[in-house]
Amino acid sequence: MLVRKLRLQRGWSQEHLAECSGLSIRTIQRIERGQKPGLESLKSLVAVFEIDISQLQTESTMNSETLMTEEEKNTIDQVRAIKGFYSHLITYVLVITLLFIINFATGPDYIWALWPALGWGIGIINHALNAFEVFNLLGAKWEKKQIEKRLGRKL
């Protein structure tokens, strides 16, 4: 993860880093995904980035989550929530469409598929409000305030 950050800070592509370090592009990709680099790869990267080898060695043993800032973690969580909402919405549309098809095929005189559509629709609306943080009543700021309060710290 640190290799990727260092590379992006300099505005380099993976190809450029591979060329400068003498490593293959595939090796750069593996290291950026979290695979532990070998000593020779570390030495090459240290020479290119002009940093101490201990920085890359400790980074390779650390969890990538610990290297992220709080803002990055929150952004990733929000994107995942939005992705989950879209997945939920697609499932809703497909299932409700299928229910209406079954409803009209078996007995169009009573539209019973409307009830699951309305019930599940309320859940979809709730999911959207949470994913897009429309009403952020119990969001990250509230959580932080509650944690600080319970730990007895002043904000």
N, C-alpha and C. Protein backbone atom coordinates (compact mmCIF):
# COMPACT_ATOMS: atom_id res chain seq x y z
N MET A 1 0.83 -1.18 0.00
CA MET A 1 0.00 0.00 0.00
C MET A 1 0.87 1.25 0.00
N LEU A 2 1.95 1.25 0.78
CA LEU A 2 2.85 2.39 0.82
C LEU A 2 3.53 2.58 -0.53
N VAL A 3 3.87 1.49 -1.18
CA VAL A 3 4.50 1.58 -2.50
C VAL A 3 3.56 2.29 -3.46
N ARG A 4 2.30 1.94 -3.41
CA ARG A 4 1.31 2.58 -4.29
C ARG A 4 1.20 4.07 -3.98
N LYS A 5 1.15 4.41 -2.68
CA LYS A 5 1.06 5.82 -2.29
C LYS A 5 2.29 6.60 -2.75
N LEU A 6 3.45 6.03 -2.54
CA LEU A 6 4.68 6.71 -2.97
C LEU A 6 4.70 6.89 -4.49
N ARG A 7 4.27 5.86 -5.19
CA ARG A 7 4.24 5.93 -6.66
C ARG A 7 3.27 7.00 -7.13
N LEU A 8 2.09 7.03 -6.54
CA LEU A 8 1.09 8.00 -6.95
C LEU A 8 1.46 9.43 -6.57
N GLN A 9 2.16 9.58 -5.43
CA GLN A 9 2.62 10.92 -5.04
C GLN A 9 3.56 11.50 -6.07
N ARG A 10 4.32 10.64 -6.70
CA ARG A 10 5.26 11.10 -7.72
C ARG A 10 4.63 11.17 -9.11
N GLY A 11 3.39 10.69 -9.22
CA GLY A 11 2.69 10.72 -10.50
C GLY A 11 3.20 9.68 -11.48
N TRP A 12 3.71 8.58 -10.96
CA TRP A 12 4.28 7.53 -11.81
C TRP A 12 3.24 6.45 -12.08
N SER A 13 3.36 5.83 -13.22
CA SER A 13 2.55 4.66 -13.53
C SER A 13 3.29 3.43 -13.00
N GLN A 14 2.61 2.31 -12.97
CA GLN A 14 3.27 1.07 -12.56
C GLN A 14 4.38 0.72 -13.54
N GLU A 15 4.12 1.00 -14.80
CA GLU A 15 5.14 0.71 -15.83
C GLU A 15 6.41 1.53 -15.60
N HIS A 16 6.22 2.81 -15.26
CA HIS A 16 7.37 3.68 -15.02
C HIS A 16 8.16 3.20 -13.80
N LEU A 17 7.45 2.86 -12.72
CA LEU A 17 8.12 2.36 -11.52
C LEU A 17 8.86 1.06 -11.83
N ALA A 18 8.24 0.19 -12.60
CA ALA A 18 8.90 -1.07 -12.96
C ALA A 18 10.17 -0.79 -13.76
N GLU A 19 10.10 0.15 -14.66
CA GLU A 19 11.27 0.49 -15.48
C GLU A 19 12.39 1.09 -14.62
N CYS A 20 12.03 1.99 -13.71
CA CYS A 20 13.04 2.65 -12.86
C CYS A 20 13.67 1.67 -11.86
N SER A 21 12.86 0.74 -11.35
CA SER A 21 13.35 -0.17 -10.31
C SER A 21 13.96 -1.44 -10.87
N GLY A 22 13.70 -1.75 -12.12
CA GLY A 22 14.20 -2.99 -12.69
C GLY A 22 13.34 -4.18 -12.33
N LEU A 23 12.18 -3.95 -11.74
CA LEU A 23 11.26 -5.03 -11.40
C LEU A 23 10.23 -5.18 -12.51
N SER A 24 9.54 -6.29 -12.51
CA SER A 24 8.48 -6.47 -13.51
C SER A 24 7.22 -5.75 -13.06
N ILE A 25 6.38 -5.44 -14.00
CA ILE A 25 5.11 -4.79 -13.68
C ILE A 25 4.28 -5.69 -12.78
N ARG A 26 4.33 -6.98 -13.05
CA ARG A 26 3.58 -7.96 -12.25
C ARG A 26 4.04 -7.94 -10.79
N THR A 27 5.35 -7.79 -10.57
CA THR A 27 5.89 -7.72 -9.21
C THR A 27 5.38 -6.47 -8.51
N ILE A 28 5.38 -5.35 -9.22
CA ILE A 28 4.87 -4.10 -8.66
C ILE A 28 3.40 -4.26 -8.28
N GLN A 29 2.62 -4.88 -9.16
CA GLN A 29 1.20 -5.08 -8.88
C GLN A 29 1.00 -5.96 -7.64
N ARG A 30 1.78 -7.01 -7.51
CA ARG A 30 1.66 -7.90 -6.35
C ARG A 30 1.99 -7.16 -5.06
N ILE A 31 3.06 -6.38 -5.09
CA ILE A 31 3.47 -5.64 -3.89
C ILE A 31 2.38 -4.63 -3.52
N GLU A 32 1.82 -3.95 -4.50
CA GLU A 32 0.78 -2.95 -4.22
C GLU A 32 -0.49 -3.59 -3.69
N ARG A 33 -0.74 -4.84 -4.01
CA ARG A 33 -1.91 -5.55 -3.49
C ARG A 33 -1.66 -6.13 -2.11
N GLY A 34 -0.45 -6.00 -1.60
CA GLY A 34 -0.18 -6.43 -0.24
C GLY A 34 0.72 -7.64 -0.10
N GLN A 35 1.18 -8.22 -1.20
CA GLN A 35 2.08 -9.36 -1.09
C GLN A 35 3.44 -8.87 -0.59
N LYS A 36 4.04 -9.64 0.29
CA LYS A 36 5.32 -9.25 0.89
C LYS A 36 6.43 -9.34 -0.16
N PRO A 37 7.15 -8.24 -0.36
CA PRO A 37 8.23 -8.25 -1.35
C PRO A 37 9.48 -8.94 -0.83
N GLY A 38 10.26 -9.47 -1.74
CA GLY A 38 11.54 -10.06 -1.37
C GLY A 38 12.56 -8.98 -1.07
N LEU A 39 13.70 -9.38 -0.52
CA LEU A 39 14.74 -8.42 -0.13
C LEU A 39 15.27 -7.64 -1.33
N GLU A 40 15.49 -8.32 -2.45
CA GLU A 40 15.99 -7.64 -3.64
C GLU A 40 14.97 -6.63 -4.19
N SER A 41 13.71 -7.01 -4.15
CA SER A 41 12.67 -6.08 -4.59
C SER A 41 12.63 -4.86 -3.67
N LEU A 42 12.74 -5.11 -2.36
CA LEU A 42 12.77 -4.01 -1.39
C LEU A 42 13.93 -3.06 -1.67
N LYS A 43 15.10 -3.64 -1.92
CA LYS A 43 16.28 -2.81 -2.19
C LYS A 43 16.08 -1.96 -3.43
N SER A 44 15.48 -2.52 -4.46
CA SER A 44 15.22 -1.77 -5.69
C SER A 44 14.25 -0.63 -5.45
N LEU A 45 13.19 -0.90 -4.69
CA LEU A 45 12.19 0.13 -4.42
C LEU A 45 12.75 1.24 -3.53
N VAL A 46 13.54 0.84 -2.54
CA VAL A 46 14.18 1.82 -1.64
C VAL A 46 15.07 2.76 -2.45
N ALA A 47 15.83 2.21 -3.39
CA ALA A 47 16.72 3.03 -4.21
C ALA A 47 15.93 4.01 -5.08
N VAL A 48 14.81 3.56 -5.62
CA VAL A 48 14.01 4.42 -6.49
C VAL A 48 13.31 5.52 -5.70
N PHE A 49 12.73 5.15 -4.56
CA PHE A 49 11.98 6.13 -3.76
C PHE A 49 12.87 6.96 -2.84
N GLU A 50 14.12 6.54 -2.68
CA GLU A 50 15.08 7.23 -1.83
C GLU A 50 14.56 7.35 -0.39
N ILE A 51 14.17 6.21 0.15
CA ILE A 51 13.71 6.15 1.53
C ILE A 51 14.47 5.05 2.25
N ASP A 52 14.29 4.96 3.56
CA ASP A 52 14.95 3.95 4.36
C ASP A 52 14.25 2.60 4.17
N ILE A 53 15.00 1.55 4.13
CA ILE A 53 14.43 0.21 3.91
C ILE A 53 13.49 -0.20 5.03
N SER A 54 13.74 0.31 6.23
CA SER A 54 12.88 -0.06 7.36
C SER A 54 11.45 0.41 7.16
N GLN A 55 11.26 1.52 6.43
CA GLN A 55 9.91 2.00 6.16
C GLN A 55 9.12 0.99 5.33
N LEU A 56 9.74 0.45 4.31
CA LEU A 56 9.05 -0.53 3.48
C LEU A 56 8.92 -1.88 4.17
N GLN A 57 9.91 -2.25 4.98
CA GLN A 57 9.83 -3.53 5.68
C GLN A 57 8.71 -3.53 6.71
N THR A 58 8.59 -2.45 7.47
CA THR A 58 7.52 -2.41 8.46
C THR A 58 6.17 -2.31 7.76
N GLU A 59 6.12 -1.62 6.64
CA GLU A 59 4.87 -1.49 5.90
C GLU A 59 4.42 -2.83 5.37
N SER A 60 5.35 -3.66 4.94
CA SER A 60 4.97 -4.94 4.37
C SER A 60 4.42 -5.90 5.42
N THR A 61 4.76 -5.67 6.69
CA THR A 61 4.22 -6.52 7.75
C THR A 61 2.96 -5.94 8.37
N MET A 62 2.69 -4.66 8.12
CA MET A 62 1.50 -4.03 8.69
C MET A 62 0.28 -4.35 7.85
N ASN A 63 -0.84 -4.25 8.47
CA ASN A 63 -2.11 -4.41 7.77
C ASN A 63 -2.38 -3.14 6.98
N SER A 64 -2.87 -3.26 5.77
CA SER A 64 -3.11 -2.08 4.93
C SER A 64 -4.16 -1.16 5.54
N GLU A 65 -5.04 -1.70 6.37
CA GLU A 65 -6.05 -0.87 7.02
C GLU A 65 -5.42 0.16 7.94
N THR A 66 -4.30 -0.18 8.59
CA THR A 66 -3.68 0.75 9.53
C THR A 66 -2.99 1.89 8.82
N LEU A 67 -2.72 1.76 7.54
CA LEU A 67 -2.04 2.81 6.79
C LEU A 67 -3.01 3.84 6.24
N MET A 68 -4.30 3.54 6.27
CA MET A 68 -5.29 4.44 5.73
C MET A 68 -5.64 5.52 6.75
N THR A 69 -5.90 6.69 6.26
CA THR A 69 -6.38 7.75 7.14
C THR A 69 -7.84 7.48 7.47
N GLU A 70 -8.34 8.17 8.47
CA GLU A 70 -9.74 8.01 8.86
C GLU A 70 -10.66 8.42 7.71
N GLU A 71 -10.27 9.47 6.99
CA GLU A 71 -11.08 9.93 5.86
C GLU A 71 -11.14 8.88 4.77
N GLU A 72 -10.01 8.22 4.49
CA GLU A 72 -9.99 7.16 3.48
C GLU A 72 -10.88 5.99 3.89
N LYS A 73 -10.82 5.62 5.17
CA LYS A 73 -11.65 4.52 5.66
C LYS A 73 -13.14 4.88 5.53
N ASN A 74 -13.49 6.11 5.91
CA ASN A 74 -14.88 6.54 5.82
C ASN A 74 -15.36 6.56 4.38
N THR A 75 -14.50 7.02 3.48
CA THR A 75 -14.86 7.07 2.07
C THR A 75 -15.07 5.66 1.52
N ILE A 76 -14.18 4.75 1.85
CA ILE A 76 -14.31 3.36 1.41
C ILE A 76 -15.59 2.75 1.96
N ASP A 77 -15.89 3.01 3.23
CA ASP A 77 -17.12 2.48 3.82
C ASP A 77 -18.36 3.04 3.12
N GLN A 78 -18.32 4.33 2.80
CA GLN A 78 -19.47 4.93 2.13
C GLN A 78 -19.66 4.34 0.73
N VAL A 79 -18.56 4.16 0.00
CA VAL A 79 -18.65 3.57 -1.35
C VAL A 79 -19.20 2.15 -1.26
N ARG A 80 -18.76 1.39 -0.27
CA ARG A 80 -19.28 0.03 -0.09
C ARG A 80 -20.77 0.04 0.24
N ALA A 81 -21.19 1.03 1.05
CA ALA A 81 -22.61 1.14 1.39
C ALA A 81 -23.43 1.46 0.14
N ILE A 82 -22.92 2.35 -0.70
CA ILE A 82 -23.63 2.70 -1.93
C ILE A 82 -23.68 1.49 -2.87
N LYS A 83 -22.58 0.76 -2.95
CA LYS A 83 -22.56 -0.45 -3.78
C LYS A 83 -23.59 -1.46 -3.26
N GLY A 84 -23.67 -1.62 -1.95
CA GLY A 84 -24.65 -2.52 -1.36
C GLY A 84 -26.07 -2.08 -1.67
N PHE A 85 -26.30 -0.77 -1.65
CA PHE A 85 -27.64 -0.26 -1.99
C PHE A 85 -28.00 -0.59 -3.43
N TYR A 86 -27.07 -0.35 -4.37
CA TYR A 86 -27.37 -0.64 -5.77
C TYR A 86 -27.63 -2.13 -5.99
N SER A 87 -26.88 -2.96 -5.31
CA SER A 87 -27.12 -4.40 -5.40
C SER A 87 -28.52 -4.75 -4.88
N HIS A 88 -28.88 -4.14 -3.76
CA HIS A 88 -30.20 -4.35 -3.16
C HIS A 88 -31.29 -3.86 -4.11
N LEU A 89 -31.08 -2.71 -4.74
CA LEU A 89 -32.06 -2.13 -5.66
C LEU A 89 -32.27 -3.02 -6.89
N ILE A 90 -31.18 -3.55 -7.43
CA ILE A 90 -31.29 -4.43 -8.60
C ILE A 90 -32.06 -5.70 -8.22
N THR A 91 -31.77 -6.26 -7.06
CA THR A 91 -32.49 -7.45 -6.60
C THR A 91 -33.97 -7.14 -6.44
N TYR A 92 -34.28 -5.99 -5.86
CA TYR A 92 -35.66 -5.56 -5.68
C TYR A 92 -36.40 -5.49 -7.01
N VAL A 93 -35.80 -4.80 -7.98
CA VAL A 93 -36.45 -4.63 -9.28
C VAL A 93 -36.69 -5.99 -9.94
N LEU A 94 -35.71 -6.87 -9.91
CA LEU A 94 -35.86 -8.18 -10.55
C LEU A 94 -36.94 -9.02 -9.87
N VAL A 95 -36.90 -9.08 -8.54
CA VAL A 95 -37.86 -9.92 -7.82
C VAL A 95 -39.27 -9.37 -7.95
N ILE A 96 -39.43 -8.06 -7.78
CA ILE A 96 -40.77 -7.47 -7.86
C ILE A 96 -41.32 -7.61 -9.28
N THR A 97 -40.48 -7.45 -10.28
CA THR A 97 -40.92 -7.66 -11.67
C THR A 97 -41.41 -9.10 -11.85
N LEU A 98 -40.67 -10.04 -11.33
CA LEU A 98 -41.07 -11.45 -11.41
C LEU A 98 -42.40 -11.68 -10.68
N LEU A 99 -42.57 -11.06 -9.51
CA LEU A 99 -43.83 -11.21 -8.78
C LEU A 99 -45.01 -10.64 -9.56
N PHE A 100 -44.81 -9.50 -10.21
CA PHE A 100 -45.90 -8.93 -11.01
C PHE A 100 -46.22 -9.81 -12.23
N ILE A 101 -45.20 -10.39 -12.82
CA ILE A 101 -45.44 -11.30 -13.95
C ILE A 101 -46.25 -12.51 -13.48
N ILE A 102 -45.85 -13.07 -12.34
CA ILE A 102 -46.60 -14.21 -11.78
C ILE A 102 -48.02 -13.79 -11.43
N ASN A 103 -48.16 -12.60 -10.83
CA ASN A 103 -49.48 -12.09 -10.46
C ASN A 103 -50.39 -11.98 -11.68
N PHE A 104 -49.90 -11.37 -12.75
CA PHE A 104 -50.74 -11.18 -13.93
C PHE A 104 -50.96 -12.48 -14.70
N ALA A 105 -50.04 -13.43 -14.58
CA ALA A 105 -50.21 -14.71 -15.26
C ALA A 105 -51.23 -15.60 -14.55
N THR A 106 -51.29 -15.50 -13.22
CA THR A 106 -52.18 -16.38 -12.47
C THR A 106 -53.55 -15.80 -12.20
N GLY A 107 -53.66 -14.51 -12.01
CA GLY A 107 -54.97 -13.92 -11.72
C GLY A 107 -54.88 -12.41 -11.70
N PRO A 108 -55.09 -11.77 -12.85
CA PRO A 108 -54.92 -10.31 -12.93
C PRO A 108 -56.04 -9.51 -12.26
N ASP A 109 -57.07 -10.19 -11.74
CA ASP A 109 -58.18 -9.46 -11.14
C ASP A 109 -57.81 -8.85 -9.78
N TYR A 110 -56.84 -9.43 -9.05
CA TYR A 110 -56.37 -8.87 -7.77
C TYR A 110 -54.85 -8.70 -7.85
N ILE A 111 -54.38 -7.50 -7.65
CA ILE A 111 -52.94 -7.21 -7.76
C ILE A 111 -52.30 -7.36 -6.37
N TRP A 112 -52.00 -8.59 -6.00
CA TRP A 112 -51.39 -8.87 -4.71
C TRP A 112 -49.90 -8.53 -4.67
N ALA A 113 -49.23 -8.46 -5.85
CA ALA A 113 -47.79 -8.18 -5.89
C ALA A 113 -47.47 -6.75 -5.44
N LEU A 114 -48.50 -5.94 -5.36
CA LEU A 114 -48.31 -4.57 -4.90
C LEU A 114 -47.86 -4.53 -3.44
N TRP A 115 -48.37 -5.44 -2.61
CA TRP A 115 -48.04 -5.44 -1.18
C TRP A 115 -46.57 -5.74 -0.92
N PRO A 116 -45.98 -6.78 -1.52
CA PRO A 116 -44.54 -6.97 -1.31
C PRO A 116 -43.72 -5.81 -1.90
N ALA A 117 -44.20 -5.24 -3.01
CA ALA A 117 -43.48 -4.12 -3.63
C ALA A 117 -43.46 -2.93 -2.69
N LEU A 118 -44.58 -2.65 -2.04
CA LEU A 118 -44.65 -1.52 -1.10
C LEU A 118 -43.82 -1.80 0.16
N GLY A 119 -43.96 -2.99 0.71
CA GLY A 119 -43.19 -3.32 1.93
C GLY A 119 -41.70 -3.29 1.71
N TRP A 120 -41.28 -3.96 0.67
CA TRP A 120 -39.84 -4.00 0.36
C TRP A 120 -39.36 -2.62 -0.09
N GLY A 121 -40.25 -1.87 -0.74
CA GLY A 121 -39.90 -0.52 -1.19
C GLY A 121 -39.54 0.39 -0.03
N ILE A 122 -40.23 0.22 1.09
CA ILE A 122 -39.89 1.00 2.29
C ILE A 122 -38.47 0.66 2.74
N GLY A 123 -38.13 -0.60 2.69
CA GLY A 123 -36.76 -1.01 3.03
C GLY A 123 -35.74 -0.43 2.08
N ILE A 124 -36.07 -0.38 0.79
CA ILE A 124 -35.17 0.20 -0.22
C ILE A 124 -34.95 1.69 0.07
N ILE A 125 -36.02 2.39 0.38
CA ILE A 125 -35.91 3.82 0.68
C ILE A 125 -35.03 4.03 1.91
N ASN A 126 -35.22 3.22 2.93
CA ASN A 126 -34.40 3.31 4.13
C ASN A 126 -32.93 3.04 3.81
N HIS A 127 -32.68 2.03 3.00
CA HIS A 127 -31.32 1.69 2.61
C HIS A 127 -30.68 2.85 1.84
N ALA A 128 -31.43 3.47 0.95
CA ALA A 128 -30.92 4.61 0.18
C ALA A 128 -30.58 5.78 1.09
N LEU A 129 -31.46 6.08 2.03
CA LEU A 129 -31.21 7.19 2.95
C LEU A 129 -29.95 6.96 3.78
N ASN A 130 -29.72 5.72 4.17
CA ASN A 130 -28.52 5.40 4.94
C ASN A 130 -27.27 5.40 4.07
N ALA A 131 -27.35 4.81 2.88
CA ALA A 131 -26.18 4.70 2.01
C ALA A 131 -25.70 6.07 1.53
N PHE A 132 -26.65 6.94 1.19
CA PHE A 132 -26.28 8.26 0.68
C PHE A 132 -26.22 9.31 1.79
N GLU A 133 -26.37 8.87 3.03
CA GLU A 133 -26.27 9.72 4.22
C GLU A 133 -27.12 10.97 4.11
N VAL A 134 -28.39 10.78 3.73
CA VAL A 134 -29.31 11.90 3.61
C VAL A 134 -29.63 12.47 4.99
N PHE A 135 -30.03 11.60 5.90
CA PHE A 135 -30.24 11.99 7.28
C PHE A 135 -29.18 11.29 8.11
N ASN A 136 -28.17 12.00 8.45
CA ASN A 136 -27.02 11.40 9.13
C ASN A 136 -27.13 11.58 10.65
N LEU A 137 -28.28 11.17 11.19
CA LEU A 137 -28.52 11.36 12.62
C LEU A 137 -27.58 10.51 13.47
N LEU A 138 -27.36 9.28 13.07
CA LEU A 138 -26.52 8.36 13.84
C LEU A 138 -25.26 8.00 13.05
N GLY A 139 -24.64 8.99 12.43
CA GLY A 139 -23.48 8.77 11.59
C GLY A 139 -22.17 8.75 12.37
N ALA A 140 -21.10 8.97 11.64
CA ALA A 140 -19.75 8.89 12.20
C ALA A 140 -19.51 9.93 13.29
N LYS A 141 -20.03 11.15 13.08
CA LYS A 141 -19.84 12.20 14.10
C LYS A 141 -20.54 11.82 15.41
N TRP A 142 -21.74 11.28 15.28
CA TRP A 142 -22.47 10.86 16.47
C TRP A 142 -21.72 9.75 17.20
N GLU A 143 -21.23 8.77 16.42
CA GLU A 143 -20.47 7.65 17.01
C GLU A 143 -19.25 8.17 17.76
N LYS A 144 -18.51 9.08 17.13
CA LYS A 144 -17.30 9.62 17.76
C LYS A 144 -17.65 10.34 19.05
N LYS A 145 -18.72 11.12 19.03
CA LYS A 145 -19.15 11.85 20.22
C LYS A 145 -19.52 10.89 21.34
N GLN A 146 -20.23 9.81 21.00
CA GLN A 146 -20.63 8.83 22.01
C GLN A 146 -19.43 8.08 22.59
N ILE A 147 -18.47 7.75 21.74
CA ILE A 147 -17.26 7.06 22.21
C ILE A 147 -16.50 7.95 23.17
N GLU A 148 -16.29 9.21 22.76
CA GLU A 148 -15.58 10.16 23.62
C GLU A 148 -16.31 10.36 24.94
N LYS A 149 -17.63 10.42 24.88
CA LYS A 149 -18.44 10.60 26.09
C LYS A 149 -18.25 9.42 27.04
N ARG A 150 -18.29 8.21 26.49
CA ARG A 150 -18.17 7.01 27.34
C ARG A 150 -16.76 6.80 27.86
N LEU A 151 -15.78 7.32 27.14
CA LEU A 151 -14.40 7.23 27.62
C LEU A 151 -14.06 8.36 28.58
N GLY A 152 -14.99 9.28 28.76
CA GLY A 152 -14.79 10.38 29.69
C GLY A 152 -13.87 11.45 29.18
N ARG A 153 -13.76 11.58 27.88
CA ARG A 153 -12.88 12.58 27.28
C ARG A 153 -13.71 13.78 26.87
N LYS A 154 -13.06 14.92 26.87
CA LYS A 154 -13.70 16.14 26.37
C LYS A 154 -13.44 16.25 24.88
N LEU A 155 -14.40 16.76 24.15
CA LEU A 155 -14.25 16.96 22.71
C LEU A 155 -13.57 18.26 22.41
